[in-house]
C-alpha atoms as a PDB file:
ATOM      1  CA  UNK A   1       9.870  69.175  -5.619  1.00  0.00           C
ATOM      2  CA  UNK A   2       8.510  66.258  -7.539  1.00  0.00           C
ATOM      3  CA  UNK A   3       6.993  62.932  -6.767  1.00  0.00           C
ATOM      4  CA  UNK A   4       3.602  61.416  -6.219  1.00  0.00           C
ATOM      5  CA  UNK A   5       2.271  63.461  -3.317  1.00  0.00           C
ATOM      6  CA  UNK A   6      -1.264  61.996  -3.403  1.00  0.00           C
ATOM      7  CA  UNK A   7      -2.783  58.547  -3.064  1.00  0.00           C
ATOM      8  CA  UNK A   8      -6.170  57.060  -2.275  1.00  0.00           C
ATOM      9  CA  UNK A   9      -9.207  55.159  -3.434  1.00  0.00           C
ATOM     10  CA  UNK A  10     -12.871  55.945  -4.189  1.00  0.00           C
ATOM     11  CA  UNK A  11     -13.559  56.882  -0.556  1.00  0.00           C
ATOM     12  CA  UNK A  12     -10.437  58.596   0.761  1.00  0.00           C
ATOM     13  CA  UNK A  13      -7.384  60.415  -0.554  1.00  0.00           C
ATOM     14  CA  UNK A  14      -4.352  61.661   1.330  1.00  0.00           C
ATOM     15  CA  UNK A  15      -2.089  64.350  -0.050  1.00  0.00           C
ATOM     16  CA  UNK A  16       0.711  66.751   0.815  1.00  0.00           C
ATOM     17  CA  UNK A  17       0.015  70.416   0.065  1.00  0.00           C
ATOM     18  CA  UNK A  18       2.472  73.133  -0.979  1.00  0.00           C
ATOM     19  CA  UNK A  19       3.052  73.993   2.706  1.00  0.00           C
ATOM     20  CA  UNK A  20       4.139  70.394   3.455  1.00  0.00           C
ATOM     21  CA  UNK A  21       0.977  69.605   5.449  1.00  0.00           C
ATOM     22  CA  UNK A  22      -0.767  66.229   5.078  1.00  0.00           C
ATOM     23  CA  UNK A  23      -4.495  66.341   4.297  1.00  0.00           C
ATOM     24  CA  UNK A  24      -7.323  63.842   3.947  1.00  0.00           C
ATOM     25  CA  UNK A  25     -10.095  64.314   1.374  1.00  0.00           C
ATOM     26  CA  UNK A  26     -13.247  62.196   1.512  1.00  0.00           C
ATOM     27  CA  UNK A  27     -15.651  61.174  -1.254  1.00  0.00           C
ATOM     28  CA  UNK A  28     -18.198  63.681   0.093  1.00  0.00           C
ATOM     29  CA  UNK A  29     -15.723  66.552  -0.511  1.00  0.00           C
ATOM     30  CA  UNK A  30     -14.673  67.093   3.100  1.00  0.00           C
ATOM     31  CA  UNK A  31     -11.057  68.077   3.762  1.00  0.00           C
ATOM     32  CA  UNK A  32      -9.214  67.562   7.039  1.00  0.00           C
ATOM     33  CA  UNK A  33      -5.748  68.916   7.725  1.00  0.00           C
ATOM     34  CA  UNK A  34      -3.794  66.211   9.532  1.00  0.00           C
ATOM     35  CA  UNK A  35      -0.539  68.175   9.651  1.00  0.00           C
ATOM     36  CA  UNK A  36       2.843  66.588  10.395  1.00  0.00           C
ATOM     37  CA  UNK A  37       4.602  69.433   8.565  1.00  0.00           C
ATOM     38  CA  UNK A  38       7.618  69.101  10.860  1.00  0.00           C
ATOM     39  CA  UNK A  39       8.201  65.549   9.561  1.00  0.00           C
ATOM     40  CA  UNK A  40       7.294  66.086   5.918  1.00  0.00           C
ATOM     41  CA  UNK A  41       9.359  69.258   5.631  1.00  0.00           C
ATOM     42  CA  UNK A  42      12.566  67.272   6.148  1.00  0.00           C
ATOM     43  CA  UNK A  43      11.612  65.016   3.238  1.00  0.00           C
ATOM     44  CA  UNK A  44      10.839  67.547   0.522  1.00  0.00           C
ATOM     45  CA  UNK A  45      14.361  67.783  -0.851  1.00  0.00           C
ATOM     46  CA  UNK A  46      13.848  64.353  -2.442  1.00  0.00           C
ATOM     47  CA  UNK A  47      10.957  62.765  -4.314  1.00  0.00           C
ATOM     48  CA  UNK A  48       8.134  61.998  -1.907  1.00  0.00           C
ATOM     49  CA  UNK A  49       5.821  59.081  -2.629  1.00  0.00           C
ATOM     50  CA  UNK A  50       2.469  58.719  -0.835  1.00  0.00           C
ATOM     51  CA  UNK A  51       0.944  55.228  -0.993  1.00  0.00           C
ATOM     52  CA  UNK A  52      -2.455  54.181   0.407  1.00  0.00           C
ATOM     53  CA  UNK A  53      -3.509  50.662   1.393  1.00  0.00           C
ATOM     54  CA  UNK A  54      -7.297  50.921   1.911  1.00  0.00           C
ATOM     55  CA  UNK A  55      -7.696  47.424   3.363  1.00  0.00           C
ATOM     56  CA  UNK A  56      -5.357  48.401   6.204  1.00  0.00           C
ATOM     57  CA  UNK A  57      -6.378  52.099   6.286  1.00  0.00           C
ATOM     58  CA  UNK A  58      -2.703  53.095   6.139  1.00  0.00           C
ATOM     59  CA  UNK A  59      -0.829  55.769   4.228  1.00  0.00           C
ATOM     60  CA  UNK A  60       2.876  55.293   3.636  1.00  0.00           C
ATOM     61  CA  UNK A  61       5.051  58.345   3.012  1.00  0.00           C
ATOM     62  CA  UNK A  62       8.606  57.903   1.764  1.00  0.00           C
ATOM     63  CA  UNK A  63      11.330  59.849  -0.010  1.00  0.00           C
ATOM     64  CA  UNK A  64      13.732  56.947  -0.476  1.00  0.00           C
ATOM     65  CA  UNK A  65      15.683  57.876   2.658  1.00  0.00           C
ATOM     66  CA  UNK A  66      12.992  58.149   5.358  1.00  0.00           C
ATOM     67  CA  UNK A  67       9.691  56.356   5.739  1.00  0.00           C
ATOM     68  CA  UNK A  68       6.536  56.985   7.748  1.00  0.00           C
ATOM     69  CA  UNK A  69       3.217  55.229   8.204  1.00  0.00           C
ATOM     70  CA  UNK A  70       0.050  57.189   8.956  1.00  0.00           C
ATOM     71  CA  UNK A  71      -2.920  55.420  10.519  1.00  0.00           C
ATOM     72  CA  UNK A  72      -6.019  56.662  12.304  1.00  0.00           C
ATOM     73  CA  UNK A  73      -3.888  56.627  15.474  1.00  0.00           C
ATOM     74  CA  UNK A  74      -1.071  58.832  14.187  1.00  0.00           C
ATOM     75  CA  UNK A  75       2.213  58.956  12.297  1.00  0.00           C
ATOM     76  CA  UNK A  76       5.188  56.747  13.069  1.00  0.00           C
ATOM     77  CA  UNK A  77       8.595  56.125  11.531  1.00  0.00           C
ATOM     78  CA  UNK A  78       9.178  52.868   9.641  1.00  0.00           C
ATOM     79  CA  UNK A  79      12.290  51.211   8.216  1.00  0.00           C
ATOM     80  CA  UNK A  80      10.605  50.284   4.933  1.00  0.00           C
ATOM     81  CA  UNK A  81      10.800  52.865   2.145  1.00  0.00           C
ATOM     82  CA  UNK A  82       7.456  52.167   0.467  1.00  0.00           C
ATOM     83  CA  UNK A  83       6.926  53.324  -3.110  1.00  0.00           C
ATOM     84  CA  UNK A  84       3.858  51.187  -3.849  1.00  0.00           C
ATOM     85  CA  UNK A  85       1.706  48.628  -2.064  1.00  0.00           C
ATOM     86  CA  UNK A  86      -0.938  46.010  -2.613  1.00  0.00           C
ATOM     87  CA  UNK A  87      -2.415  42.988  -0.934  1.00  0.00           C
ATOM     88  CA  UNK A  88      -2.021  39.493  -2.263  1.00  0.00           C
ATOM     89  CA  UNK A  89      -5.175  37.410  -2.644  1.00  0.00           C
ATOM     90  CA  UNK A  90      -5.223  34.262  -0.596  1.00  0.00           C
ATOM     91  CA  UNK A  91      -5.754  31.132  -2.631  1.00  0.00           C
ATOM     92  CA  UNK A  92      -8.259  28.693  -1.205  1.00  0.00           C
END
């Protein structure tokens, strides 16, 4: 397997471990297993990209064929196959 299986900012990182479980790691070195192995396992035959948008507190997980969004409320399937994200500044 290859790909970018981790993403985050100074406060929070999300990553996929070697058992296909999703984890969160905080700046104060706390780790929380979120899981979702049953969804991630189907994706590991292709390159998985994890992307984090801190302003929205969302992780996007995609392998180019399937896409998921993980929020504080759970994981859901999306049609977009996200490989990177950012927010555009509003011009005044």
